[in-house]
PDB file of N, CA and C in Angstrom:
ATOM      1  N   UNK A   1      10.128  64.416 -37.531  1.00  0.00           N
ATOM      2  CA  UNK A   1      10.170  62.948 -37.880  1.00  0.00           C
ATOM      3  C   UNK A   1       9.144  62.934 -39.075  1.00  0.00           C
ATOM      4  N   UNK A   2       9.740  61.954 -40.149  1.00  0.00           N
ATOM      5  CA  UNK A   2       9.105  61.967 -41.326  1.00  0.00           C
ATOM      6  C   UNK A   2       8.440  60.422 -41.757  1.00  0.00           C
ATOM      7  N   UNK A   3       7.112  60.437 -42.127  1.00  0.00           N
ATOM      8  CA  UNK A   3       6.242  59.309 -42.205  1.00  0.00           C
ATOM      9  C   UNK A   3       6.543  58.673 -43.661  1.00  0.00           C
ATOM     10  N   UNK A   4       6.720  57.650 -43.913  1.00  0.00           N
ATOM     11  CA  UNK A   4       6.424  56.871 -45.301  1.00  0.00           C
ATOM     12  C   UNK A   4       5.621  55.559 -44.949  1.00  0.00           C
ATOM     13  N   UNK A   5       5.168  55.257 -46.205  1.00  0.00           N
ATOM     14  CA  UNK A   5       4.113  53.999 -46.263  1.00  0.00           C
ATOM     15  C   UNK A   5       4.533  52.813 -47.033  1.00  0.00           C
ATOM     16  N   UNK A   6       4.269  51.679 -46.686  1.00  0.00           N
ATOM     17  CA  UNK A   6       4.513  50.511 -47.451  1.00  0.00           C
ATOM     18  C   UNK A   6       3.588  50.253 -48.402  1.00  0.00           C
ATOM     19  N   UNK A   7       4.056  49.748 -49.777  1.00  0.00           N
ATOM     20  CA  UNK A   7       3.033  49.571 -50.687  1.00  0.00           C
ATOM     21  C   UNK A   7       2.541  48.044 -50.458  1.00  0.00           C
ATOM     22  N   UNK A   8       1.784  47.753 -51.568  1.00  0.00           N
ATOM     23  CA  UNK A   8       1.299  46.308 -51.679  1.00  0.00           C
ATOM     24  C   UNK A   8       2.235  45.274 -51.891  1.00  0.00           C
ATOM     25  N   UNK A   9       3.516  45.858 -52.376  1.00  0.00           N
ATOM     26  CA  UNK A   9       4.715  44.783 -52.722  1.00  0.00           C
ATOM     27  C   UNK A   9       5.681  44.974 -51.563  1.00  0.00           C
ATOM     28  N   UNK A  10       5.407  45.704 -50.452  1.00  0.00           N
ATOM     29  CA  UNK A  10       6.321  46.011 -49.525  1.00  0.00           C
ATOM     30  C   UNK A  10       7.554  46.787 -49.666  1.00  0.00           C
ATOM     31  N   UNK A  11       7.314  47.595 -50.816  1.00  0.00           N
ATOM     32  CA  UNK A  11       8.143  48.778 -50.965  1.00  0.00           C
ATOM     33  C   UNK A  11       7.892  50.046 -50.337  1.00  0.00           C
ATOM     34  N   UNK A  12       9.010  50.834 -50.125  1.00  0.00           N
ATOM     35  CA  UNK A  12       8.956  51.981 -49.531  1.00  0.00           C
ATOM     36  C   UNK A  12       9.561  53.185 -50.319  1.00  0.00           C
ATOM     37  N   UNK A  13       9.052  54.191 -50.345  1.00  0.00           N
ATOM     38  CA  UNK A  13       9.414  55.534 -51.014  1.00  0.00           C
ATOM     39  C   UNK A  13      10.216  56.372 -49.942  1.00  0.00           C
ATOM     40  N   UNK A  14      11.313  56.475 -50.122  1.00  0.00           N
ATOM     41  CA  UNK A  14      12.252  57.319 -49.027  1.00  0.00           C
ATOM     42  C   UNK A  14      11.964  58.955 -49.323  1.00  0.00           C
ATOM     43  N   UNK A  15      11.186  59.576 -48.319  1.00  0.00           N
ATOM     44  CA  UNK A  15      10.753  60.842 -48.542  1.00  0.00           C
ATOM     45  C   UNK A  15      12.120  62.071 -48.915  1.00  0.00           C
ATOM     46  N   UNK A  16      11.666  62.745 -49.669  1.00  0.00           N
ATOM     47  CA  UNK A  16      12.741  63.734 -50.348  1.00  0.00           C
ATOM     48  C   UNK A  16      13.524  64.379 -49.318  1.00  0.00           C
ATOM     49  N   UNK A  17      12.964  64.543 -48.151  1.00  0.00           N
ATOM     50  CA  UNK A  17      14.022  65.269 -47.146  1.00  0.00           C
ATOM     51  C   UNK A  17      15.025  64.416 -46.642  1.00  0.00           C
ATOM     52  N   UNK A  18      14.716  63.100 -46.431  1.00  0.00           N
ATOM     53  CA  UNK A  18      15.656  62.035 -46.027  1.00  0.00           C
ATOM     54  C   UNK A  18      16.581  61.814 -47.289  1.00  0.00           C
ATOM     55  N   UNK A  19      16.132  61.812 -48.473  1.00  0.00           N
ATOM     56  CA  UNK A  19      16.976  61.557 -49.568  1.00  0.00           C
ATOM     57  C   UNK A  19      18.003  62.573 -49.671  1.00  0.00           C
ATOM     58  N   UNK A  20      17.688  63.926 -49.485  1.00  0.00           N
ATOM     59  CA  UNK A  20      18.595  64.878 -49.600  1.00  0.00           C
ATOM     60  C   UNK A  20      19.617  64.843 -48.533  1.00  0.00           C
ATOM     61  N   UNK A  21      19.011  64.677 -47.365  1.00  0.00           N
ATOM     62  CA  UNK A  21      20.006  64.440 -46.060  1.00  0.00           C
ATOM     63  C   UNK A  21      20.967  63.501 -46.351  1.00  0.00           C
ATOM     64  N   UNK A  22      20.687  62.298 -46.854  1.00  0.00           N
ATOM     65  CA  UNK A  22      21.600  61.119 -46.974  1.00  0.00           C
ATOM     66  C   UNK A  22      22.367  61.181 -48.406  1.00  0.00           C
ATOM     67  N   UNK A  23      22.086  62.173 -49.252  1.00  0.00           N
ATOM     68  CA  UNK A  23      22.672  62.404 -50.516  1.00  0.00           C
ATOM     69  C   UNK A  23      22.470  61.132 -51.495  1.00  0.00           C
ATOM     70  N   UNK A  24      21.174  60.698 -51.581  1.00  0.00           N
ATOM     71  CA  UNK A  24      20.681  59.421 -52.271  1.00  0.00           C
ATOM     72  C   UNK A  24      20.238  59.948 -53.568  1.00  0.00           C
ATOM     73  N   UNK A  25      20.455  59.105 -54.544  1.00  0.00           N
ATOM     74  CA  UNK A  25      20.222  59.281 -55.889  1.00  0.00           C
ATOM     75  C   UNK A  25      19.228  58.173 -56.258  1.00  0.00           C
ATOM     76  N   UNK A  26      18.703  58.320 -57.620  1.00  0.00           N
ATOM     77  CA  UNK A  26      18.108  57.138 -57.992  1.00  0.00           C
ATOM     78  C   UNK A  26      18.929  55.776 -58.103  1.00  0.00           C
ATOM     79  N   UNK A  27      18.269  54.794 -57.631  1.00  0.00           N
ATOM     80  CA  UNK A  27      18.915  53.308 -58.014  1.00  0.00           C
ATOM     81  C   UNK A  27      20.032  53.560 -57.033  1.00  0.00           C
ATOM     82  N   UNK A  28      20.175  54.299 -55.856  1.00  0.00           N
ATOM     83  CA  UNK A  28      21.345  54.157 -55.000  1.00  0.00           C
ATOM     84  C   UNK A  28      21.116  52.872 -54.034  1.00  0.00           C
ATOM     85  N   UNK A  29      22.320  52.368 -53.417  1.00  0.00           N
ATOM     86  CA  UNK A  29      22.063  51.246 -52.794  1.00  0.00           C
ATOM     87  C   UNK A  29      22.188  51.612 -51.161  1.00  0.00           C
ATOM     88  N   UNK A  30      21.402  51.050 -50.340  1.00  0.00           N
ATOM     89  CA  UNK A  30      21.319  51.433 -48.973  1.00  0.00           C
ATOM     90  C   UNK A  30      21.490  50.219 -48.236  1.00  0.00           C
ATOM     91  N   UNK A  31      22.002  50.373 -47.001  1.00  0.00           N
ATOM     92  CA  UNK A  31      21.952  49.177 -46.030  1.00  0.00           C
ATOM     93  C   UNK A  31      20.872  49.477 -45.013  1.00  0.00           C
ATOM     94  N   UNK A  32      20.216  48.433 -44.638  1.00  0.00           N
ATOM     95  CA  UNK A  32      19.215  48.697 -43.482  1.00  0.00           C
ATOM     96  C   UNK A  32      19.532  47.682 -42.481  1.00  0.00           C
ATOM     97  N   UNK A  33      19.814  48.205 -41.278  1.00  0.00           N
ATOM     98  CA  UNK A  33      20.057  47.288 -40.222  1.00  0.00           C
ATOM     99  C   UNK A  33      18.915  47.420 -39.138  1.00  0.00           C
ATOM    100  N   UNK A  34      18.671  46.229 -38.407  1.00  0.00           N
ATOM    101  CA  UNK A  34      17.690  46.275 -37.456  1.00  0.00           C
ATOM    102  C   UNK A  34      18.412  46.352 -35.993  1.00  0.00           C
ATOM    103  N   UNK A  35      18.073  47.608 -35.488  1.00  0.00           N
ATOM    104  CA  UNK A  35      18.777  47.867 -34.164  1.00  0.00           C
ATOM    105  C   UNK A  35      17.849  48.109 -33.120  1.00  0.00           C
ATOM    106  N   UNK A  36      17.605  47.670 -31.992  1.00  0.00           N
ATOM    107  CA  UNK A  36      16.817  47.592 -31.200  1.00  0.00           C
ATOM    108  C   UNK A  36      15.227  47.896 -31.537  1.00  0.00           C
ATOM    109  N   UNK A  37      14.786  47.081 -32.480  1.00  0.00           N
ATOM    110  CA  UNK A  37      13.465  47.183 -32.869  1.00  0.00           C
ATOM    111  C   UNK A  37      13.151  48.334 -33.802  1.00  0.00           C
ATOM    112  N   UNK A  38      14.213  48.874 -34.387  1.00  0.00           N
ATOM    113  CA  UNK A  38      14.335  49.840 -35.391  1.00  0.00           C
ATOM    114  C   UNK A  38      14.972  49.602 -36.586  1.00  0.00           C
ATOM    115  N   UNK A  39      14.501  50.066 -37.624  1.00  0.00           N
ATOM    116  CA  UNK A  39      15.301  49.878 -38.846  1.00  0.00           C
ATOM    117  C   UNK A  39      16.213  51.198 -39.221  1.00  0.00           C
ATOM    118  N   UNK A  40      17.524  51.089 -39.396  1.00  0.00           N
ATOM    119  CA  UNK A  40      18.220  52.109 -39.545  1.00  0.00           C
ATOM    120  C   UNK A  40      18.823  52.147 -40.980  1.00  0.00           C
ATOM    121  N   UNK A  41      18.621  53.221 -41.862  1.00  0.00           N
ATOM    122  CA  UNK A  41      18.966  53.254 -43.319  1.00  0.00           C
ATOM    123  C   UNK A  41      20.237  53.866 -43.414  1.00  0.00           C
ATOM    124  N   UNK A  42      21.173  53.551 -44.199  1.00  0.00           N
ATOM    125  CA  UNK A  42      22.374  53.908 -44.260  1.00  0.00           C
ATOM    126  C   UNK A  42      22.890  53.927 -45.957  1.00  0.00           C
ATOM    127  N   UNK A  43      23.345  54.994 -46.639  1.00  0.00           N
ATOM    128  CA  UNK A  43      23.760  54.957 -47.832  1.00  0.00           C
ATOM    129  C   UNK A  43      25.093  54.114 -47.868  1.00  0.00           C
ATOM    130  N   UNK A  44      25.038  53.230 -49.071  1.00  0.00           N
ATOM    131  CA  UNK A  44      26.344  52.307 -49.355  1.00  0.00           C
ATOM    132  C   UNK A  44      27.039  53.158 -50.529  1.00  0.00           C
ATOM    133  N   UNK A  45      28.175  53.674 -50.110  1.00  0.00           N
ATOM    134  CA  UNK A  45      29.145  54.384 -51.244  1.00  0.00           C
ATOM    135  C   UNK A  45      29.741  53.624 -52.058  1.00  0.00           C
ATOM    136  N   UNK A  46      29.656  53.776 -53.265  1.00  0.00           N
ATOM    137  CA  UNK A  46      30.475  53.006 -54.185  1.00  0.00           C
ATOM    138  C   UNK A  46      32.093  53.305 -54.353  1.00  0.00           C
ATOM    139  N   UNK A  47      32.718  52.750 -54.927  1.00  0.00           N
ATOM    140  CA  UNK A  47      34.232  52.993 -54.958  1.00  0.00           C
ATOM    141  C   UNK A  47      34.416  54.241 -55.549  1.00  0.00           C
ATOM    142  N   UNK A  48      33.424  54.427 -56.558  1.00  0.00           N
ATOM    143  CA  UNK A  48      33.758  55.674 -57.536  1.00  0.00           C
ATOM    144  C   UNK A  48      33.493  56.929 -56.746  1.00  0.00           C
ATOM    145  N   UNK A  49      32.445  56.896 -55.894  1.00  0.00           N
ATOM    146  CA  UNK A  49      32.023  58.019 -54.939  1.00  0.00           C
ATOM    147  C   UNK A  49      33.259  58.105 -53.942  1.00  0.00           C
ATOM    148  N   UNK A  50      33.942  57.063 -53.440  1.00  0.00           N
ATOM    149  CA  UNK A  50      34.790  57.268 -52.491  1.00  0.00           C
ATOM    150  C   UNK A  50      35.972  57.991 -52.943  1.00  0.00           C
ATOM    151  N   UNK A  51      36.462  57.313 -54.456  1.00  0.00           N
ATOM    152  CA  UNK A  51      37.367  57.989 -55.059  1.00  0.00           C
ATOM    153  C   UNK A  51      37.377  59.442 -55.319  1.00  0.00           C
ATOM    154  N   UNK A  52      36.047  59.832 -55.657  1.00  0.00           N
ATOM    155  CA  UNK A  52      35.804  61.392 -55.652  1.00  0.00           C
ATOM    156  C   UNK A  52      36.173  62.166 -54.384  1.00  0.00           C
ATOM    157  N   UNK A  53      35.855  61.430 -53.312  1.00  0.00           N
ATOM    158  CA  UNK A  53      36.037  62.167 -52.021  1.00  0.00           C
ATOM    159  C   UNK A  53      37.600  62.457 -51.988  1.00  0.00           C
ATOM    160  N   UNK A  54      38.465  61.537 -52.305  1.00  0.00           N
ATOM    161  CA  UNK A  54      39.994  61.726 -52.208  1.00  0.00           C
ATOM    162  C   UNK A  54      40.526  62.644 -53.085  1.00  0.00           C
ATOM    163  N   UNK A  55      39.695  62.507 -54.287  1.00  0.00           N
ATOM    164  CA  UNK A  55      40.102  63.657 -55.423  1.00  0.00           C
ATOM    165  C   UNK A  55      39.794  65.037 -54.810  1.00  0.00           C
ATOM    166  N   UNK A  56      38.810  65.328 -54.438  1.00  0.00           N
ATOM    167  CA  UNK A  56      38.360  66.502 -53.895  1.00  0.00           C
ATOM    168  C   UNK A  56      39.395  66.948 -52.889  1.00  0.00           C
ATOM    169  N   UNK A  57      39.683  66.031 -51.860  1.00  0.00           N
ATOM    170  CA  UNK A  57      40.663  66.654 -50.788  1.00  0.00           C
ATOM    171  C   UNK A  57      42.025  66.824 -51.331  1.00  0.00           C
ATOM    172  N   UNK A  58      42.462  66.083 -52.390  1.00  0.00           N
ATOM    173  CA  UNK A  58      43.735  66.278 -53.092  1.00  0.00           C
ATOM    174  C   UNK A  58      43.791  67.723 -53.727  1.00  0.00           C
ATOM    175  N   UNK A  59      42.600  67.981 -54.350  1.00  0.00           N
ATOM    176  CA  UNK A  59      42.613  69.593 -54.949  1.00  0.00           C
ATOM    177  C   UNK A  59      42.954  70.654 -53.849  1.00  0.00           C
ATOM    178  N   UNK A  60      42.369  70.460 -52.761  1.00  0.00           N
ATOM    179  CA  UNK A  60      42.473  71.484 -51.775  1.00  0.00           C
ATOM    180  C   UNK A  60      43.898  71.609 -50.914  1.00  0.00           C
ATOM    181  N   UNK A  61      44.631  70.503 -50.805  1.00  0.00           N
ATOM    182  CA  UNK A  61      45.732  70.396 -50.050  1.00  0.00           C
ATOM    183  C   UNK A  61      46.855  69.699 -50.781  1.00  0.00           C
ATOM    184  N   UNK A  62      48.132  69.915 -50.451  1.00  0.00           N
ATOM    185  CA  UNK A  62      49.177  69.103 -50.927  1.00  0.00           C
ATOM    186  C   UNK A  62      48.923  67.592 -50.420  1.00  0.00           C
ATOM    187  N   UNK A  63      49.312  66.713 -51.305  1.00  0.00           N
ATOM    188  CA  UNK A  63      49.147  65.362 -50.616  1.00  0.00           C
ATOM    189  C   UNK A  63      50.215  64.915 -49.639  1.00  0.00           C
ATOM    190  N   UNK A  64      49.714  64.691 -48.551  1.00  0.00           N
ATOM    191  CA  UNK A  64      50.712  64.227 -47.412  1.00  0.00           C
ATOM    192  C   UNK A  64      49.993  62.826 -47.207  1.00  0.00           C
ATOM    193  N   UNK A  65      50.370  61.940 -47.751  1.00  0.00           N
ATOM    194  CA  UNK A  65      49.776  60.530 -47.889  1.00  0.00           C
ATOM    195  C   UNK A  65      49.838  59.766 -46.572  1.00  0.00           C
ATOM    196  N   UNK A  66      50.717  60.305 -45.631  1.00  0.00           N
ATOM    197  CA  UNK A  66      50.654  59.654 -44.186  1.00  0.00           C
ATOM    198  C   UNK A  66      49.322  60.120 -43.461  1.00  0.00           C
ATOM    199  N   UNK A  67      49.263  61.324 -43.795  1.00  0.00           N
ATOM    200  CA  UNK A  67      48.075  61.960 -43.107  1.00  0.00           C
ATOM    201  C   UNK A  67      46.772  61.288 -43.790  1.00  0.00           C
ATOM    202  N   UNK A  68      46.658  61.174 -44.997  1.00  0.00           N
ATOM    203  CA  UNK A  68      45.373  60.702 -45.809  1.00  0.00           C
ATOM    204  C   UNK A  68      45.076  59.238 -45.196  1.00  0.00           C
ATOM    205  N   UNK A  69      46.288  58.452 -44.970  1.00  0.00           N
ATOM    206  CA  UNK A  69      46.215  57.138 -44.558  1.00  0.00           C
ATOM    207  C   UNK A  69      45.729  57.126 -43.125  1.00  0.00           C
ATOM    208  N   UNK A  70      46.148  58.101 -42.217  1.00  0.00           N
ATOM    209  CA  UNK A  70      45.733  57.958 -40.956  1.00  0.00           C
ATOM    210  C   UNK A  70      44.302  58.285 -40.812  1.00  0.00           C
ATOM    211  N   UNK A  71      43.901  59.231 -41.476  1.00  0.00           N
ATOM    212  CA  UNK A  71      42.662  59.855 -41.620  1.00  0.00           C
ATOM    213  C   UNK A  71      41.554  58.751 -42.041  1.00  0.00           C
ATOM    214  N   UNK A  72      41.894  58.127 -43.030  1.00  0.00           N
ATOM    215  CA  UNK A  72      41.172  57.137 -43.712  1.00  0.00           C
ATOM    216  C   UNK A  72      41.017  55.865 -42.578  1.00  0.00           C
ATOM    217  N   UNK A  73      42.191  55.449 -41.964  1.00  0.00           N
ATOM    218  CA  UNK A  73      42.093  54.525 -40.946  1.00  0.00           C
ATOM    219  C   UNK A  73      41.057  54.961 -39.752  1.00  0.00           C
ATOM    220  N   UNK A  74      41.110  56.272 -39.441  1.00  0.00           N
ATOM    221  CA  UNK A  74      40.161  56.651 -38.203  1.00  0.00           C
ATOM    222  C   UNK A  74      38.866  56.647 -38.893  1.00  0.00           C
ATOM    223  N   UNK A  75      38.458  56.970 -40.139  1.00  0.00           N
ATOM    224  CA  UNK A  75      37.198  57.009 -40.481  1.00  0.00           C
ATOM    225  C   UNK A  75      36.550  55.505 -40.485  1.00  0.00           C
ATOM    226  N   UNK A  76      37.401  54.653 -40.898  1.00  0.00           N
ATOM    227  CA  UNK A  76      37.060  53.283 -40.986  1.00  0.00           C
ATOM    228  C   UNK A  76      36.738  52.634 -39.722  1.00  0.00           C
ATOM    229  N   UNK A  77      37.625  53.139 -38.722  1.00  0.00           N
ATOM    230  CA  UNK A  77      37.289  52.561 -37.453  1.00  0.00           C
ATOM    231  C   UNK A  77      36.217  53.045 -36.742  1.00  0.00           C
ATOM    232  N   UNK A  78      35.834  54.341 -36.958  1.00  0.00           N
ATOM    233  CA  UNK A  78      34.521  54.995 -36.430  1.00  0.00           C
ATOM    234  C   UNK A  78      33.332  54.378 -37.044  1.00  0.00           C
ATOM    235  N   UNK A  79      33.464  54.080 -38.495  1.00  0.00           N
ATOM    236  CA  UNK A  79      32.219  53.379 -39.062  1.00  0.00           C
ATOM    237  C   UNK A  79      32.225  51.815 -38.388  1.00  0.00           C
ATOM    238  N   UNK A  80      33.155  51.266 -38.152  1.00  0.00           N
ATOM    239  CA  UNK A  80      33.095  50.029 -37.758  1.00  0.00           C
ATOM    240  C   UNK A  80      32.564  49.942 -36.075  1.00  0.00           C
ATOM    241  N   UNK A  81      32.960  50.889 -35.549  1.00  0.00           N
ATOM    242  CA  UNK A  81      32.500  51.092 -34.129  1.00  0.00           C
ATOM    243  C   UNK A  81      31.016  51.210 -34.155  1.00  0.00           C
ATOM    244  N   UNK A  82      30.426  52.224 -35.025  1.00  0.00           N
ATOM    245  CA  UNK A  82      29.169  52.538 -35.088  1.00  0.00           C
ATOM    246  C   UNK A  82      28.225  51.329 -35.503  1.00  0.00           C
ATOM    247  N   UNK A  83      28.705  50.521 -36.137  1.00  0.00           N
ATOM    248  CA  UNK A  83      28.091  49.452 -36.581  1.00  0.00           C
ATOM    249  C   UNK A  83      27.761  48.451 -35.582  1.00  0.00           C
ATOM    250  N   UNK A  84      28.560  48.370 -34.638  1.00  0.00           N
ATOM    251  CA  UNK A  84      28.333  47.582 -33.376  1.00  0.00           C
ATOM    252  C   UNK A  84      27.158  48.187 -32.369  1.00  0.00           C
ATOM    253  N   UNK A  85      26.903  49.264 -32.724  1.00  0.00           N
ATOM    254  CA  UNK A  85      25.867  50.029 -31.686  1.00  0.00           C
ATOM    255  C   UNK A  85      24.505  49.593 -31.833  1.00  0.00           C
TER     256      UNK A  85
END
């Protein structure tokens, strides 16, 4: 477990180990959700980052757009289900 401190202005510095694990860069956007009296921090990916994910996938495999669509729908459904927890 990693500990962080609130500043006088209610700001928090995300520790390096957490930033690395979440792939956070300076000025990144994050979501903070209150869940069962805990704060959950999640990175918000920009359209540019998501586009990069598809570009990488396309380099490695021939495009089967039906598979891409199905996998994308699965990922979105899983993310939506996790938000309800």
